[in-house]
Amino acid sequence: MKPTTLHEDAEAELCQALEYYAGQRPGLDGEFRREFEEALKRIRENPLTYAVEDDDGVRYCPLRRFPYTLVYVDLNDCVWVAAMAHQHRRPRYWAIRRPSV
């Protein structure tokens, strides 16, 4: 299983989503967190599951229940998560982000 590294903005996006869902219904943030952790586990166990979408090796792992996608790149030593992207907002806004590993 490969380790994961989240871009600092991806971490901020995760926190914002958790805050949003916490305000919607008690416990919904926990459900979102579990869904995120499950998606992260899937890509850590087999990062090649999802197809390469561009020349930079970007792959998309959609969450199953929430309208978010983990945008990631499979590097030699880790899986780098570029964004926790909402599926209905600003396509490819994260494209300028680069791994710091």
C-alpha atoms as a PDB file:
ATOM      1  CA  MET A   1       0.000   0.000   0.000  1.00  0.00           C
ATOM      2  CA  LYS A   2       1.473   3.339  -1.047  1.00  0.00           C
ATOM      3  CA  PRO A   3       1.528   6.320   1.290  1.00  0.00           C
ATOM      4  CA  THR A   4      -0.487   9.378   0.297  1.00  0.00           C
ATOM      5  CA  THR A   5       0.411  13.031   0.335  1.00  0.00           C
ATOM      6  CA  LEU A   6      -2.260  15.716   0.075  1.00  0.00           C
ATOM      7  CA  HIS A   7      -1.526  19.102  -1.421  1.00  0.00           C
ATOM      8  CA  GLU A   8      -2.169  21.721   1.263  1.00  0.00           C
ATOM      9  CA  ASP A   9      -5.073  23.118  -0.771  1.00  0.00           C
ATOM     10  CA  ALA A  10      -6.592  19.632  -1.044  1.00  0.00           C
ATOM     11  CA  GLU A  11      -6.461  19.417   2.757  1.00  0.00           C
ATOM     12  CA  ALA A  12      -8.192  22.802   2.980  1.00  0.00           C
ATOM     13  CA  GLU A  13     -10.863  21.637   0.512  1.00  0.00           C
ATOM     14  CA  LEU A  14     -11.470  18.562   2.630  1.00  0.00           C
ATOM     15  CA  CYS A  15     -11.863  20.706   5.764  1.00  0.00           C
ATOM     16  CA  GLN A  16     -14.269  23.047   3.979  1.00  0.00           C
ATOM     17  CA  ALA A  17     -16.398  20.128   2.802  1.00  0.00           C
ATOM     18  CA  LEU A  18     -16.443  18.656   6.299  1.00  0.00           C
ATOM     19  CA  GLU A  19     -17.547  21.998   7.748  1.00  0.00           C
ATOM     20  CA  TYR A  20     -20.282  22.306   5.139  1.00  0.00           C
ATOM     21  CA  TYR A  21     -21.680  18.828   5.786  1.00  0.00           C
ATOM     22  CA  ALA A  22     -21.462  19.298   9.567  1.00  0.00           C
ATOM     23  CA  GLY A  23     -23.807  22.254   9.159  1.00  0.00           C
ATOM     24  CA  GLN A  24     -26.282  20.337   7.009  1.00  0.00           C
ATOM     25  CA  ARG A  25     -27.174  17.487   9.356  1.00  0.00           C
ATOM     26  CA  PRO A  26     -25.616  16.058  12.513  1.00  0.00           C
ATOM     27  CA  GLY A  27     -23.275  13.222  11.583  1.00  0.00           C
ATOM     28  CA  LEU A  28     -23.195  13.969   7.866  1.00  0.00           C
ATOM     29  CA  ASP A  29     -19.620  15.211   8.163  1.00  0.00           C
ATOM     30  CA  GLY A  30     -18.651  11.833   9.618  1.00  0.00           C
ATOM     31  CA  GLU A  31     -20.318  10.071   6.709  1.00  0.00           C
ATOM     32  CA  PHE A  32     -18.404  12.295   4.301  1.00  0.00           C
ATOM     33  CA  ARG A  33     -15.138  11.626   6.163  1.00  0.00           C
ATOM     34  CA  ARG A  34     -15.706   7.843   5.934  1.00  0.00           C
ATOM     35  CA  GLU A  35     -16.447   8.117   2.215  1.00  0.00           C
ATOM     36  CA  PHE A  36     -13.257  10.132   1.733  1.00  0.00           C
ATOM     37  CA  GLU A  37     -11.213   7.588   3.718  1.00  0.00           C
ATOM     38  CA  GLU A  38     -12.678   4.710   1.679  1.00  0.00           C
ATOM     39  CA  ALA A  39     -11.758   6.442  -1.600  1.00  0.00           C
ATOM     40  CA  LEU A  40      -8.270   7.173  -0.290  1.00  0.00           C
ATOM     41  CA  LYS A  41      -7.867   3.533   0.722  1.00  0.00           C
ATOM     42  CA  ARG A  42      -8.933   2.384  -2.766  1.00  0.00           C
ATOM     43  CA  ILE A  43      -6.306   4.512  -4.478  1.00  0.00           C
ATOM     44  CA  ARG A  44      -3.611   3.617  -1.938  1.00  0.00           C
ATOM     45  CA  GLU A  45      -4.238  -0.088  -2.435  1.00  0.00           C
ATOM     46  CA  ASN A  46      -4.371   0.134  -6.218  1.00  0.00           C
ATOM     47  CA  PRO A  47      -3.562   3.566  -7.659  1.00  0.00           C
ATOM     48  CA  LEU A  48      -3.827   2.258 -11.231  1.00  0.00           C
ATOM     49  CA  THR A  49      -7.541   1.447 -10.865  1.00  0.00           C
ATOM     50  CA  TYR A  50      -8.607   4.736 -12.416  1.00  0.00           C
ATOM     51  CA  ALA A  51      -7.611   5.759 -15.923  1.00  0.00           C
ATOM     52  CA  VAL A  52      -5.023   8.419 -16.670  1.00  0.00           C
ATOM     53  CA  GLU A  53      -6.905  11.515 -17.846  1.00  0.00           C
ATOM     54  CA  ASP A  54      -4.113  13.751 -19.169  1.00  0.00           C
ATOM     55  CA  ASP A  55      -0.412  13.948 -20.034  1.00  0.00           C
ATOM     56  CA  ASP A  56       0.513  14.721 -16.414  1.00  0.00           C
ATOM     57  CA  GLY A  57      -0.785  11.336 -15.224  1.00  0.00           C
ATOM     58  CA  VAL A  58      -3.795  12.786 -13.406  1.00  0.00           C
ATOM     59  CA  ARG A  59      -6.452  10.300 -12.329  1.00  0.00           C
ATOM     60  CA  TYR A  60      -9.931  10.868 -10.866  1.00  0.00           C
ATOM     61  CA  CYS A  61     -11.453   8.835  -8.050  1.00  0.00           C
ATOM     62  CA  PRO A  62     -15.054   9.945  -7.502  1.00  0.00           C
ATOM     63  CA  LEU A  63     -16.644   9.540  -4.104  1.00  0.00           C
ATOM     64  CA  ARG A  64     -19.602   7.205  -4.328  1.00  0.00           C
ATOM     65  CA  ARG A  65     -22.196   9.187  -2.402  1.00  0.00           C
ATOM     66  CA  PHE A  66     -21.019  12.794  -2.380  1.00  0.00           C
ATOM     67  CA  PRO A  67     -20.339  15.048  -5.397  1.00  0.00           C
ATOM     68  CA  TYR A  68     -16.566  15.139  -4.884  1.00  0.00           C
ATOM     69  CA  THR A  69     -13.613  13.609  -6.681  1.00  0.00           C
ATOM     70  CA  LEU A  70     -10.116  12.884  -5.424  1.00  0.00           C
ATOM     71  CA  VAL A  71      -7.777  14.166  -8.116  1.00  0.00           C
ATOM     72  CA  TYR A  72      -4.465  12.349  -7.824  1.00  0.00           C
ATOM     73  CA  VAL A  73      -1.213  11.308  -9.472  1.00  0.00           C
ATOM     74  CA  ASP A  74       0.517   7.982  -8.891  1.00  0.00           C
ATOM     75  CA  LEU A  75       4.165   8.870  -8.245  1.00  0.00           C
ATOM     76  CA  ASN A  76       7.017   6.395  -7.760  1.00  0.00           C
ATOM     77  CA  ASP A  77       7.010   6.602  -3.969  1.00  0.00           C
ATOM     78  CA  CYS A  78       3.531   7.866  -3.093  1.00  0.00           C
ATOM     79  CA  VAL A  79       0.083   8.805  -4.288  1.00  0.00           C
ATOM     80  CA  TRP A  80      -0.143  12.595  -4.472  1.00  0.00           C
ATOM     81  CA  VAL A  81      -3.640  14.079  -4.078  1.00  0.00           C
ATOM     82  CA  ALA A  82      -3.901  17.388  -5.914  1.00  0.00           C
ATOM     83  CA  ALA A  83      -7.488  18.241  -5.014  1.00  0.00           C
ATOM     84  CA  MET A  84     -10.674  17.277  -3.249  1.00  0.00           C
ATOM     85  CA  ALA A  85     -12.698  18.720  -6.102  1.00  0.00           C
ATOM     86  CA  HIS A  86     -16.423  19.362  -6.103  1.00  0.00           C
ATOM     87  CA  GLN A  87     -17.813  17.849  -9.293  1.00  0.00           C
ATOM     88  CA  HIS A  88     -20.019  20.830 -10.185  1.00  0.00           C
ATOM     89  CA  ARG A  89     -17.617  23.719  -9.648  1.00  0.00           C
ATOM     90  CA  ARG A  90     -14.686  25.215 -11.559  1.00  0.00           C
ATOM     91  CA  PRO A  91     -13.381  22.374 -13.720  1.00  0.00           C
ATOM     92  CA  ARG A  92      -9.601  21.844 -13.576  1.00  0.00           C
ATOM     93  CA  TYR A  93      -8.979  24.786 -11.217  1.00  0.00           C
ATOM     94  CA  TRP A  94      -6.379  22.573  -9.513  1.00  0.00           C
ATOM     95  CA  ALA A  95      -4.348  21.988 -12.720  1.00  0.00           C
ATOM     96  CA  ILE A  96      -1.564  24.406 -11.688  1.00  0.00           C
ATOM     97  CA  ARG A  97      -0.817  22.463  -8.496  1.00  0.00           C
ATOM     98  CA  ARG A  98       2.363  20.416  -8.455  1.00  0.00           C
ATOM     99  CA  PRO A  99       3.632  17.837  -5.985  1.00  0.00           C
ATOM    100  CA  SER A 100       6.183  19.031  -3.473  1.00  0.00           C
ATOM    101  CA  VAL A 101       7.467  15.491  -2.880  1.00  0.00           C
END
